[in-house]
Amino acid sequence: MTPGREIEADKLNCIPVSMQCKGELAQIFRFYRQLQDMDRMVRIEKVMLTNDSSYNGRASMTTEVVVYYRTKVEQG
């Protein structure tokens, strides 16, 4: 995982993140399901799946996502 530069806005900030991993396709799908179940909103920008050259059931995954979160609300 490689986080990008944080983008700040008035009430909603975001951080672009690049991710890479290898595994079985079922493991990669579980990873995306976990992203979906996060407490924060995650927008998937780009997905690239590449089959292993030996065709052993493993794949390489490269993904670019943006993670959104709210800025702290001041109490007053």
Protein backbone atom coordinates (compact mmCIF):
# COMPACT_ATOMS: atom_id res chain seq x y z
CA MET A 1 0.00 0.00 0.00
CA THR A 2 1.23 3.42 -0.93
CA PRO A 3 -0.79 6.43 0.21
CA GLY A 4 -0.82 9.52 -1.97
CA ARG A 5 -1.06 13.14 -0.95
CA GLU A 6 -4.07 13.92 1.24
CA ILE A 7 -6.65 16.20 -0.35
CA GLU A 8 -8.37 18.48 2.15
CA ALA A 9 -11.79 20.01 1.68
CA ASP A 10 -14.21 21.85 3.94
CA LYS A 11 -15.98 18.84 5.48
CA LEU A 12 -14.68 15.85 3.55
CA ASN A 13 -11.06 14.85 3.02
CA CYS A 14 -9.66 12.04 0.93
CA ILE A 15 -6.47 10.08 0.47
CA PRO A 16 -5.60 8.28 -2.77
CA VAL A 17 -4.01 4.88 -2.14
CA SER A 18 -2.26 2.50 -4.55
CA MET A 19 -2.30 -1.18 -3.60
CA GLN A 20 -0.64 -4.30 -5.00
CA CYS A 21 -0.88 -7.92 -3.94
CA LYS A 22 -0.77 -11.49 -5.23
CA GLY A 23 -3.02 -14.39 -4.33
CA GLU A 24 -5.80 -16.65 -5.41
CA LEU A 25 -8.76 -14.95 -7.05
CA ALA A 26 -11.02 -15.87 -4.11
CA GLN A 27 -8.59 -14.11 -1.73
CA ILE A 28 -8.57 -11.00 -3.90
CA PHE A 29 -12.38 -10.91 -3.98
CA ARG A 30 -12.43 -11.23 -0.16
CA PHE A 31 -10.09 -8.24 -0.01
CA TYR A 32 -12.52 -6.15 -2.11
CA ARG A 33 -15.41 -7.25 0.11
CA GLN A 34 -13.45 -6.03 3.14
CA LEU A 35 -12.94 -2.68 1.42
CA GLN A 36 -16.70 -2.52 0.87
CA ASP A 37 -17.36 -3.23 4.56
CA MET A 38 -15.07 -0.46 5.85
CA ASP A 39 -16.51 2.32 8.01
CA ARG A 40 -15.22 4.84 5.48
CA MET A 41 -16.33 5.40 1.92
CA VAL A 42 -13.87 3.91 -0.57
CA ARG A 43 -14.07 4.66 -4.28
CA ILE A 44 -12.25 2.21 -6.53
CA GLU A 45 -10.62 4.13 -9.36
CA LYS A 46 -8.70 1.43 -11.20
CA VAL A 47 -8.31 -2.36 -11.02
CA MET A 48 -5.87 -4.52 -12.93
CA LEU A 49 -5.80 -8.30 -12.51
CA THR A 50 -3.02 -10.25 -14.18
CA ASN A 51 -2.98 -14.04 -14.37
CA ASP A 52 0.22 -15.74 -13.17
CA SER A 53 2.34 -16.83 -16.15
CA SER A 54 2.40 -20.40 -14.84
CA TYR A 55 -1.44 -20.53 -14.73
CA ASN A 56 -1.37 -21.93 -11.19
CA GLY A 57 -4.57 -20.19 -10.05
CA ARG A 58 -2.83 -17.13 -8.65
CA ALA A 59 -3.18 -13.55 -9.88
CA SER A 60 -1.51 -10.21 -9.32
CA MET A 61 -3.76 -7.29 -8.42
CA THR A 62 -3.06 -3.58 -8.75
CA THR A 63 -5.70 -1.16 -7.50
CA GLU A 64 -6.00 2.57 -7.08
CA VAL A 65 -8.61 3.71 -4.56
CA VAL A 66 -9.63 6.93 -2.85
CA VAL A 67 -10.54 6.77 0.85
CA TYR A 68 -12.88 9.52 2.08
CA TYR A 69 -13.31 10.71 5.64
CA ARG A 70 -14.97 13.62 7.42
CA THR A 71 -12.97 16.35 9.07
CA LYS A 72 -13.40 16.69 12.80
CA VAL A 73 -16.43 18.75 13.71
CA GLU A 74 -15.65 21.36 16.36
CA GLN A 75 -18.00 21.36 19.32
CA GLY A 76 -19.21 24.75 20.39
